[in-house]
All heavy atoms as atom14 arrays in JSON, in Angstrom:
{
  "sequence": "LLLEKSKPAFLAGQWIGVGGHIEEGETPFEAMVREAKEEADLNP",
  "atom14_mask": [
    [1, 1, 1, 1, 1, 1, 1, 1, 0, 0, 0, 0, 0, 0],
    [1, 1, 1, 1, 1, 1, 1, 1, 0, 0, 0, 0, 0, 0],
    [1, 1, 1, 1, 1, 1, 1, 1, 0, 0, 0, 0, 0, 0],
    [1, 1, 1, 1, 1, 1, 1, 1, 1, 0, 0, 0, 0, 0],
    [1, 1, 1, 1, 1, 1, 1, 1, 1, 0, 0, 0, 0, 0],
    [1, 1, 1, 1, 1, 1, 0, 0, 0, 0, 0, 0, 0, 0],
    [1, 1, 1, 1, 1, 1, 1, 1, 1, 0, 0, 0, 0, 0],
    [1, 1, 1, 1, 1, 1, 1, 0, 0, 0, 0, 0, 0, 0],
    [1, 1, 1, 1, 1, 0, 0, 0, 0, 0, 0, 0, 0, 0],
    [1, 1, 1, 1, 1, 1, 1, 1, 1, 1, 1, 0, 0, 0],
    [1, 1, 1, 1, 1, 1, 1, 1, 0, 0, 0, 0, 0, 0],
    [1, 1, 1, 1, 1, 0, 0, 0, 0, 0, 0, 0, 0, 0],
    [1, 1, 1, 1, 0, 0, 0, 0, 0, 0, 0, 0, 0, 0],
    [1, 1, 1, 1, 1, 1, 1, 1, 1, 0, 0, 0, 0, 0],
    [1, 1, 1, 1, 1, 1, 1, 1, 1, 1, 1, 1, 1, 1],
    [1, 1, 1, 1, 1, 1, 1, 1, 0, 0, 0, 0, 0, 0],
    [1, 1, 1, 1, 0, 0, 0, 0, 0, 0, 0, 0, 0, 0],
    [1, 1, 1, 1, 1, 1, 1, 0, 0, 0, 0, 0, 0, 0],
    [1, 1, 1, 1, 0, 0, 0, 0, 0, 0, 0, 0, 0, 0],
    [1, 1, 1, 1, 0, 0, 0, 0, 0, 0, 0, 0, 0, 0],
    [1, 1, 1, 1, 1, 1, 1, 1, 1, 1, 0, 0, 0, 0],
    [1, 1, 1, 1, 1, 1, 1, 1, 0, 0, 0, 0, 0, 0],
    [1, 1, 1, 1, 1, 1, 1, 1, 1, 0, 0, 0, 0, 0],
    [1, 1, 1, 1, 1, 1, 1, 1, 1, 0, 0, 0, 0, 0],
    [1, 1, 1, 1, 0, 0, 0, 0, 0, 0, 0, 0, 0, 0],
    [1, 1, 1, 1, 1, 1, 1, 1, 1, 0, 0, 0, 0, 0],
    [1, 1, 1, 1, 1, 1, 1, 0, 0, 0, 0, 0, 0, 0],
    [1, 1, 1, 1, 1, 1, 1, 0, 0, 0, 0, 0, 0, 0],
    [1, 1, 1, 1, 1, 1, 1, 1, 1, 1, 1, 0, 0, 0],
    [1, 1, 1, 1, 1, 1, 1, 1, 1, 0, 0, 0, 0, 0],
    [1, 1, 1, 1, 1, 0, 0, 0, 0, 0, 0, 0, 0, 0],
    [1, 1, 1, 1, 1, 1, 1, 1, 0, 0, 0, 0, 0, 0],
    [1, 1, 1, 1, 1, 1, 1, 0, 0, 0, 0, 0, 0, 0],
    [1, 1, 1, 1, 1, 1, 1, 1, 1, 1, 1, 0, 0, 0],
    [1, 1, 1, 1, 1, 1, 1, 1, 1, 0, 0, 0, 0, 0],
    [1, 1, 1, 1, 1, 0, 0, 0, 0, 0, 0, 0, 0, 0],
    [1, 1, 1, 1, 1, 1, 1, 1, 1, 0, 0, 0, 0, 0],
    [1, 1, 1, 1, 1, 1, 1, 1, 1, 0, 0, 0, 0, 0],
    [1, 1, 1, 1, 1, 1, 1, 1, 1, 0, 0, 0, 0, 0],
    [1, 1, 1, 1, 1, 0, 0, 0, 0, 0, 0, 0, 0, 0],
    [1, 1, 1, 1, 1, 1, 1, 1, 0, 0, 0, 0, 0, 0],
    [1, 1, 1, 1, 1, 1, 1, 1, 0, 0, 0, 0, 0, 0],
    [1, 1, 1, 1, 1, 1, 1, 1, 0, 0, 0, 0, 0, 0],
    [1, 1, 1, 1, 1, 1, 1, 0, 0, 0, 0, 0, 0, 0]
  ],
  "atom14_positions": [
    [[-23.11, -28.8, -0.23], [-23.66, -29.14, 1.07], [-23.37, -28.01, 1.96], [-22.23, -27.51, 2.09], [-23.04, -30.38, 1.61], [-23.58, -30.84, 2.98], [-24.94, -31.5, 2.81], [-22.56, -31.83, 3.64], [0.0, 0.0, 0.0], [0.0, 0.0, 0.0], [0.0, 0.0, 0.0], [0.0, 0.0, 0.0], [0.0, 0.0, 0.0], [0.0, 0.0, 0.0]],
    [[-24.38, -27.43, 2.64], [-24.29, -26.35, 3.57], [-24.89, -26.76, 4.96], [-25.75, -27.68, 4.98], [-24.94, -25.05, 3.09], [-24.41, -24.45, 1.82], [-25.21, -23.24, 1.41], [-22.92, -24.07, 2.02], [0.0, 0.0, 0.0], [0.0, 0.0, 0.0], [0.0, 0.0, 0.0], [0.0, 0.0, 0.0], [0.0, 0.0, 0.0], [0.0, 0.0, 0.0]],
    [[-24.55, -26.07, 6.0], [-25.02, -26.32, 7.39], [-25.69, -25.02, 7.81], [-25.18, -23.97, 7.77], [-23.81, -26.7, 8.26], [-24.08, -26.93, 9.73], [-23.4, -28.19, 10.12], [-23.66, -25.78, 10.51], [0.0, 0.0, 0.0], [0.0, 0.0, 0.0], [0.0, 0.0, 0.0], [0.0, 0.0, 0.0], [0.0, 0.0, 0.0], [0.0, 0.0, 0.0]],
    [[-26.89, -25.2, 8.38], [-27.63, -24.02, 8.94], [-27.25, -23.89, 10.4], [-27.53, -24.84, 11.29], [-29.15, -24.28, 8.83], [-29.96, -23.1, 9.25], [-31.38, -23.31, 9.12], [-31.93, -24.44, 9.24], [-32.15, -22.3, 8.86], [0.0, 0.0, 0.0], [0.0, 0.0, 0.0], [0.0, 0.0, 0.0], [0.0, 0.0, 0.0], [0.0, 0.0, 0.0]],
    [[-26.73, -22.77, 10.73], [-26.26, -22.46, 12.14], [-27.39, -22.19, 13.09], [-28.36, -21.57, 12.65], [-25.3, -21.27, 12.16], [-24.02, -21.5, 11.43], [-23.19, -22.6, 12.02], [-22.6, -22.18, 13.42], [-21.92, -23.27, 14.11], [0.0, 0.0, 0.0], [0.0, 0.0, 0.0], [0.0, 0.0, 0.0], [0.0, 0.0, 0.0], [0.0, 0.0, 0.0]],
    [[-27.31, -22.69, 14.27], [-28.23, -22.36, 15.26], [-27.58, -21.6, 16.4], [-28.21, -20.99, 17.23], [-28.88, -23.7, 15.84], [-27.91, -24.52, 16.45], [0.0, 0.0, 0.0], [0.0, 0.0, 0.0], [0.0, 0.0, 0.0], [0.0, 0.0, 0.0], [0.0, 0.0, 0.0], [0.0, 0.0, 0.0], [0.0, 0.0, 0.0], [0.0, 0.0, 0.0]],
    [[-26.23, -21.69, 16.49], [-25.47, -20.93, 17.48], [-24.08, -20.67, 16.92], [-23.68, -21.37, 15.91], [-25.39, -21.72, 18.76], [-24.72, -23.14, 18.56], [-24.69, -23.96, 19.85], [-24.02, -25.28, 19.53], [-24.02, -26.12, 20.6], [0.0, 0.0, 0.0], [0.0, 0.0, 0.0], [0.0, 0.0, 0.0], [0.0, 0.0, 0.0], [0.0, 0.0, 0.0]],
    [[-23.4, -19.63, 17.35], [-23.8, -18.64, 18.33], [-24.95, -17.78, 17.76], [-25.21, -17.85, 16.5], [-22.46, -17.87, 18.52], [-21.69, -18.06, 17.28], [-22.02, -19.45, 16.83], [0.0, 0.0, 0.0], [0.0, 0.0, 0.0], [0.0, 0.0, 0.0], [0.0, 0.0, 0.0], [0.0, 0.0, 0.0], [0.0, 0.0, 0.0], [0.0, 0.0, 0.0]],
    [[-25.46, -17.02, 18.63], [-26.69, -16.2, 18.26], [-26.47, -15.39, 17.0], [-27.39, -15.2, 16.13], [-27.09, -15.31, 19.42], [0.0, 0.0, 0.0], [0.0, 0.0, 0.0], [0.0, 0.0, 0.0], [0.0, 0.0, 0.0], [0.0, 0.0, 0.0], [0.0, 0.0, 0.0], [0.0, 0.0, 0.0], [0.0, 0.0, 0.0], [0.0, 0.0, 0.0]],
    [[-25.25, -14.73, 16.81], [-25.06, -13.87, 15.65], [-25.01, -14.61, 14.32], [-25.15, -14.03, 13.24], [-23.79, -12.98, 15.77], [-22.47, -13.7, 15.63], [-21.88, -13.75, 14.44], [-21.87, -14.32, 16.73], [-20.71, -14.41, 14.2], [-20.66, -15.03, 16.51], [-20.12, -15.09, 15.34], [0.0, 0.0, 0.0], [0.0, 0.0, 0.0], [0.0, 0.0, 0.0]],
    [[-24.9, -15.97, 14.38], [-24.96, -16.74, 13.13], [-26.19, -17.58, 12.94], [-26.5, -18.16, 11.9], [-23.81, -17.74, 13.17], [-22.42, -17.2, 12.87], [-21.39, -18.31, 13.0], [-22.36, -16.63, 11.48], [0.0, 0.0, 0.0], [0.0, 0.0, 0.0], [0.0, 0.0, 0.0], [0.0, 0.0, 0.0], [0.0, 0.0, 0.0], [0.0, 0.0, 0.0]],
    [[-27.12, -17.59, 13.99], [-28.33, -18.37, 13.93], [-29.17, -18.08, 12.63], [-29.38, -16.9, 12.27], [-29.17, -18.08, 15.16], [0.0, 0.0, 0.0], [0.0, 0.0, 0.0], [0.0, 0.0, 0.0], [0.0, 0.0, 0.0], [0.0, 0.0, 0.0], [0.0, 0.0, 0.0], [0.0, 0.0, 0.0], [0.0, 0.0, 0.0], [0.0, 0.0, 0.0]],
    [[-29.55, -19.1, 11.98], [-30.34, -18.98, 10.78], [-29.56, -18.74, 9.45], [-30.09, -18.7, 8.43], [0.0, 0.0, 0.0], [0.0, 0.0, 0.0], [0.0, 0.0, 0.0], [0.0, 0.0, 0.0], [0.0, 0.0, 0.0], [0.0, 0.0, 0.0], [0.0, 0.0, 0.0], [0.0, 0.0, 0.0], [0.0, 0.0, 0.0], [0.0, 0.0, 0.0]],
    [[-28.21, -18.67, 9.61], [-27.4, -18.46, 8.42], [-26.75, -19.75, 7.99], [-26.62, -20.64, 8.78], [-26.24, -17.38, 8.68], [-26.89, -16.0, 9.07], [-25.79, -15.0, 9.38], [-24.86, -14.89, 8.64], [-25.93, -14.37, 10.52], [0.0, 0.0, 0.0], [0.0, 0.0, 0.0], [0.0, 0.0, 0.0], [0.0, 0.0, 0.0], [0.0, 0.0, 0.0]],
    [[-26.4, -19.83, 6.71], [-25.78, -21.02, 6.13], [-24.26, -20.85, 5.94], [-23.78, -19.82, 5.47], [-26.47, -21.33, 4.82], [-27.91, -21.75, 5.0], [-29.01, -20.91, 4.98], [-28.45, -23.09, 5.2], [-30.15, -21.59, 5.19], [-29.81, -22.94, 5.31], [-27.87, -24.25, 5.32], [-30.63, -24.03, 5.5], [-28.71, -25.43, 5.5], [-30.08, -25.27, 5.62]],
    [[-23.61, -21.98, 6.29], [-22.11, -21.99, 6.19], [-21.71, -23.34, 5.64], [-22.55, -24.31, 5.56], [-21.39, -21.64, 7.46], [-21.6, -22.79, 8.5], [-21.82, -20.31, 8.07], [-20.76, -22.72, 9.76], [0.0, 0.0, 0.0], [0.0, 0.0, 0.0], [0.0, 0.0, 0.0], [0.0, 0.0, 0.0], [0.0, 0.0, 0.0], [0.0, 0.0, 0.0]],
    [[-20.41, -23.57, 5.4], [-19.88, -24.88, 5.2], [-19.82, -25.68, 6.46], [-19.93, -25.02, 7.55], [0.0, 0.0, 0.0], [0.0, 0.0, 0.0], [0.0, 0.0, 0.0], [0.0, 0.0, 0.0], [0.0, 0.0, 0.0], [0.0, 0.0, 0.0], [0.0, 0.0, 0.0], [0.0, 0.0, 0.0], [0.0, 0.0, 0.0], [0.0, 0.0, 0.0]],
    [[-19.55, -26.95, 6.46], [-19.3, -27.69, 7.68], [-17.93, -27.32, 8.21], [-16.98, -26.91, 7.45], [-19.4, -29.2, 7.5], [-20.75, -29.56, 7.06], [-18.37, -29.7, 6.44], [0.0, 0.0, 0.0], [0.0, 0.0, 0.0], [0.0, 0.0, 0.0], [0.0, 0.0, 0.0], [0.0, 0.0, 0.0], [0.0, 0.0, 0.0], [0.0, 0.0, 0.0]],
    [[-17.78, -27.37, 9.52], [-16.49, -26.96, 10.12], [-16.59, -26.54, 11.59], [-17.65, -26.55, 12.11], [0.0, 0.0, 0.0], [0.0, 0.0, 0.0], [0.0, 0.0, 0.0], [0.0, 0.0, 0.0], [0.0, 0.0, 0.0], [0.0, 0.0, 0.0], [0.0, 0.0, 0.0], [0.0, 0.0, 0.0], [0.0, 0.0, 0.0], [0.0, 0.0, 0.0]],
    [[-15.44, -26.09, 12.08], [-15.43, -25.63, 13.46], [-13.97, -25.33, 13.89], [-13.09, -25.27, 13.04], [0.0, 0.0, 0.0], [0.0, 0.0, 0.0], [0.0, 0.0, 0.0], [0.0, 0.0, 0.0], [0.0, 0.0, 0.0], [0.0, 0.0, 0.0], [0.0, 0.0, 0.0], [0.0, 0.0, 0.0], [0.0, 0.0, 0.0], [0.0, 0.0, 0.0]],
    [[-13.79, -25.17, 15.18], [-12.52, -24.85, 15.85], [-11.45, -25.85, 15.41], [-11.69, -27.07, 15.43], [-12.68, -24.81, 17.34], [-13.36, -23.65, 17.85], [-14.76, -23.74, 18.02], [-12.97, -22.43, 18.21], [-15.2, -22.53, 18.57], [-14.09, -21.74, 18.69], [0.0, 0.0, 0.0], [0.0, 0.0, 0.0], [0.0, 0.0, 0.0], [0.0, 0.0, 0.0]],
    [[-10.31, -25.28, 15.23], [-9.12, -26.16, 15.08], [-8.6, -26.37, 16.52], [-8.33, -25.39, 17.23], [-8.04, -25.49, 14.26], [-8.58, -25.23, 12.83], [-6.77, -26.3, 14.16], [-7.67, -24.43, 11.9], [0.0, 0.0, 0.0], [0.0, 0.0, 0.0], [0.0, 0.0, 0.0], [0.0, 0.0, 0.0], [0.0, 0.0, 0.0], [0.0, 0.0, 0.0]],
    [[-8.48, -27.58, 16.89], [-8.02, -27.9, 18.3], [-6.55, -27.83, 18.35], [-5.77, -27.96, 17.4], [-8.6, -29.26, 18.66], [-10.09, -29.33, 18.69], [-10.66, -30.69, 19.12], [-9.89, -31.68, 19.24], [-11.94, -30.78, 19.22], [0.0, 0.0, 0.0], [0.0, 0.0, 0.0], [0.0, 0.0, 0.0], [0.0, 0.0, 0.0], [0.0, 0.0, 0.0]],
    [[-6.06, -27.68, 19.57], [-4.7, -27.63, 19.85], [-3.98, -28.88, 19.28], [-4.35, -29.92, 19.51], [-4.35, -27.46, 21.38], [-2.95, -27.18, 21.72], [-2.6, -26.89, 23.11], [-3.54, -26.48, 23.83], [-1.46, -27.14, 23.5], [0.0, 0.0, 0.0], [0.0, 0.0, 0.0], [0.0, 0.0, 0.0], [0.0, 0.0, 0.0], [0.0, 0.0, 0.0]],
    [[-2.84, -28.58, 18.53], [-2.09, -29.64, 17.96], [-2.62, -30.22, 16.64], [-1.99, -31.11, 16.07], [0.0, 0.0, 0.0], [0.0, 0.0, 0.0], [0.0, 0.0, 0.0], [0.0, 0.0, 0.0], [0.0, 0.0, 0.0], [0.0, 0.0, 0.0], [0.0, 0.0, 0.0], [0.0, 0.0, 0.0], [0.0, 0.0, 0.0], [0.0, 0.0, 0.0]],
    [[-3.72, -29.65, 16.25], [-4.36, -30.12, 14.97], [-3.96, -29.19, 13.82], [-4.02, -27.92, 14.05], [-5.87, -30.08, 15.22], [-6.69, -30.96, 14.4], [-8.19, -30.95, 14.84], [-8.75, -29.93, 15.28], [-8.79, -32.01, 14.77], [0.0, 0.0, 0.0], [0.0, 0.0, 0.0], [0.0, 0.0, 0.0], [0.0, 0.0, 0.0], [0.0, 0.0, 0.0]],
    [[-3.86, -29.73, 12.66], [-3.72, -28.87, 11.49], [-5.1, -28.45, 10.94], [-6.09, -29.08, 11.31], [-2.95, -29.58, 10.33], [-3.8, -30.67, 9.82], [-1.63, -30.15, 10.78], [0.0, 0.0, 0.0], [0.0, 0.0, 0.0], [0.0, 0.0, 0.0], [0.0, 0.0, 0.0], [0.0, 0.0, 0.0], [0.0, 0.0, 0.0], [0.0, 0.0, 0.0]],
    [[-5.14, -27.38, 10.12], [-6.45, -27.04, 9.52], [-7.08, -28.24, 8.76], [-8.27, -28.41, 8.88], [-6.12, -25.85, 8.59], [-4.96, -25.24, 9.28], [-4.14, -26.35, 9.83], [0.0, 0.0, 0.0], [0.0, 0.0, 0.0], [0.0, 0.0, 0.0], [0.0, 0.0, 0.0], [0.0, 0.0, 0.0], [0.0, 0.0, 0.0], [0.0, 0.0, 0.0]],
    [[-6.23, -28.95, 8.01], [-6.72, -30.13, 7.26], [-7.32, -31.2, 8.19], [-8.36, -31.72, 7.98], [-5.68, -30.74, 6.35], [-6.11, -31.91, 5.57], [-6.72, -31.74, 4.39], [-5.89, -33.17, 6.06], [-7.23, -32.86, 3.7], [-6.27, -34.32, 5.34], [-6.93, -34.12, 4.17], [0.0, 0.0, 0.0], [0.0, 0.0, 0.0], [0.0, 0.0, 0.0]],
    [[-6.63, -31.44, 9.27], [-7.13, -32.49, 10.24], [-8.41, -32.09, 10.88], [-9.34, -32.84, 11.08], [-6.08, -32.75, 11.31], [-4.76, -33.42, 10.8], [-3.6, -33.5, 11.86], [-3.57, -32.53, 12.7], [-2.74, -34.3, 11.66], [0.0, 0.0, 0.0], [0.0, 0.0, 0.0], [0.0, 0.0, 0.0], [0.0, 0.0, 0.0], [0.0, 0.0, 0.0]],
    [[-8.55, -30.78, 11.2], [-9.8, -30.26, 11.76], [-10.89, -30.42, 10.79], [-12.0, -30.68, 11.12], [-9.61, -28.8, 12.21], [0.0, 0.0, 0.0], [0.0, 0.0, 0.0], [0.0, 0.0, 0.0], [0.0, 0.0, 0.0], [0.0, 0.0, 0.0], [0.0, 0.0, 0.0], [0.0, 0.0, 0.0], [0.0, 0.0, 0.0], [0.0, 0.0, 0.0]],
    [[-10.57, -30.12, 9.54], [-11.66, -30.2, 8.45], [-12.11, -31.65, 8.32], [-13.38, -31.82, 8.29], [-10.99, -29.74, 7.08], [-11.99, -29.66, 6.03], [-13.29, -28.32, 6.33], [-14.61, -29.33, 6.82], [0.0, 0.0, 0.0], [0.0, 0.0, 0.0], [0.0, 0.0, 0.0], [0.0, 0.0, 0.0], [0.0, 0.0, 0.0], [0.0, 0.0, 0.0]],
    [[-11.24, -32.64, 8.34], [-11.68, -34.02, 8.27], [-12.5, -34.39, 9.49], [-13.63, -34.99, 9.31], [-10.47, -34.94, 8.13], [-10.88, -36.41, 8.34], [-9.75, -34.69, 6.86], [0.0, 0.0, 0.0], [0.0, 0.0, 0.0], [0.0, 0.0, 0.0], [0.0, 0.0, 0.0], [0.0, 0.0, 0.0], [0.0, 0.0, 0.0], [0.0, 0.0, 0.0]],
    [[-12.11, -34.01, 10.68], [-12.83, -34.29, 11.87], [-14.22, -33.68, 11.89], [-15.25, -34.28, 12.21], [-11.99, -33.89, 13.12], [-12.73, -34.05, 14.45], [-11.89, -33.54, 15.64], [-11.44, -32.21, 15.52], [-12.21, -31.13, 15.67], [-13.48, -31.27, 15.96], [-11.63, -29.92, 15.54], [0.0, 0.0, 0.0], [0.0, 0.0, 0.0], [0.0, 0.0, 0.0]],
    [[-14.26, -32.35, 11.62], [-15.5, -31.58, 11.64], [-16.52, -32.15, 10.7], [-17.69, -32.19, 10.95], [-15.26, -30.13, 11.52], [-14.57, -29.4, 12.65], [-15.45, -29.22, 13.85], [-16.68, -29.41, 13.7], [-14.96, -28.86, 14.92], [0.0, 0.0, 0.0], [0.0, 0.0, 0.0], [0.0, 0.0, 0.0], [0.0, 0.0, 0.0], [0.0, 0.0, 0.0]],
    [[-16.11, -32.48, 9.43], [-16.95, -32.99, 8.45], [-17.62, -34.29, 8.86], [-18.8, -34.58, 8.59], [-16.24, -33.14, 7.08], [0.0, 0.0, 0.0], [0.0, 0.0, 0.0], [0.0, 0.0, 0.0], [0.0, 0.0, 0.0], [0.0, 0.0, 0.0], [0.0, 0.0, 0.0], [0.0, 0.0, 0.0], [0.0, 0.0, 0.0], [0.0, 0.0, 0.0]],
    [[-16.81, -35.07, 9.57], [-17.39, -36.34, 10.1], [-18.36, -36.07, 11.24], [-19.44, -36.69, 11.25], [-16.2, -37.29, 10.57], [-16.66, -38.63, 11.07], [-17.24, -39.47, 9.88], [-17.47, -40.82, 10.34], [-18.31, -41.65, 9.37], [0.0, 0.0, 0.0], [0.0, 0.0, 0.0], [0.0, 0.0, 0.0], [0.0, 0.0, 0.0], [0.0, 0.0, 0.0]],
    [[-17.99, -35.19, 12.13], [-18.87, -34.88, 13.32], [-20.18, -34.3, 12.91], [-21.21, -34.55, 13.47], [-18.11, -33.96, 14.29], [-16.96, -34.64, 15.03], [-16.14, -33.62, 15.87], [-16.44, -32.51, 15.94], [-15.22, -34.1, 16.5], [0.0, 0.0, 0.0], [0.0, 0.0, 0.0], [0.0, 0.0, 0.0], [0.0, 0.0, 0.0], [0.0, 0.0, 0.0]],
    [[-20.16, -33.33, 11.94], [-21.38, -32.59, 11.53], [-22.18, -33.19, 10.53], [-23.43, -32.98, 10.46], [-20.98, -31.19, 11.22], [-20.39, -30.38, 12.41], [-20.0, -28.94, 12.08], [-19.97, -28.59, 10.77], [-19.79, -28.2, 12.94], [0.0, 0.0, 0.0], [0.0, 0.0, 0.0], [0.0, 0.0, 0.0], [0.0, 0.0, 0.0], [0.0, 0.0, 0.0]],
    [[-21.57, -33.91, 9.53], [-22.31, -34.38, 8.41], [-22.11, -35.89, 8.09], [-22.55, -36.35, 7.08], [-22.04, -33.5, 7.2], [0.0, 0.0, 0.0], [0.0, 0.0, 0.0], [0.0, 0.0, 0.0], [0.0, 0.0, 0.0], [0.0, 0.0, 0.0], [0.0, 0.0, 0.0], [0.0, 0.0, 0.0], [0.0, 0.0, 0.0], [0.0, 0.0, 0.0]],
    [[-21.32, -36.55, 8.95], [-21.02, -37.94, 8.73], [-20.29, -38.18, 7.39], [-20.49, -39.2, 6.69], [-22.26, -38.87, 8.81], [-21.9, -40.32, 9.11], [-20.83, -40.53, 9.72], [-22.65, -41.2, 8.69], [0.0, 0.0, 0.0], [0.0, 0.0, 0.0], [0.0, 0.0, 0.0], [0.0, 0.0, 0.0], [0.0, 0.0, 0.0], [0.0, 0.0, 0.0]],
    [[-19.47, -37.19, 7.0], [-18.72, -37.36, 5.71], [-17.43, -38.07, 6.07], [-16.62, -37.5, 6.93], [-18.48, -35.99, 5.1], [-19.66, -35.28, 4.47], [-19.26, -33.84, 4.09], [-20.26, -35.99, 3.37], [0.0, 0.0, 0.0], [0.0, 0.0, 0.0], [0.0, 0.0, 0.0], [0.0, 0.0, 0.0], [0.0, 0.0, 0.0], [0.0, 0.0, 0.0]],
    [[-17.15, -39.1, 5.36], [-15.86, -39.82, 5.46], [-14.78, -38.91, 5.0], [-15.06, -37.96, 4.25], [-15.92, -41.15, 4.82], [-16.87, -42.12, 5.5], [-16.89, -42.18, 6.73], [-17.67, -42.85, 4.7], [0.0, 0.0, 0.0], [0.0, 0.0, 0.0], [0.0, 0.0, 0.0], [0.0, 0.0, 0.0], [0.0, 0.0, 0.0], [0.0, 0.0, 0.0]],
    [[-13.55, -39.15, 5.37], [-12.45, -38.29, 4.9], [-12.55, -38.07, 3.32], [-12.71, -38.98, 2.58], [-11.2, -39.08, 5.25], [-11.58, -39.79, 6.47], [-13.05, -40.23, 6.18], [0.0, 0.0, 0.0], [0.0, 0.0, 0.0], [0.0, 0.0, 0.0], [0.0, 0.0, 0.0], [0.0, 0.0, 0.0], [0.0, 0.0, 0.0], [0.0, 0.0, 0.0]]
  ]
}
């Protein structure tokens, strides 16, 4: 499963995995679980 970026401009039209910023106090794993749910409705 890939996600097509629309922003920021330098990534527009390119494909990546789901994900995003790691928020303060969050581990990389916790951010991964949150972002997958927010972007693709993937349960943990």
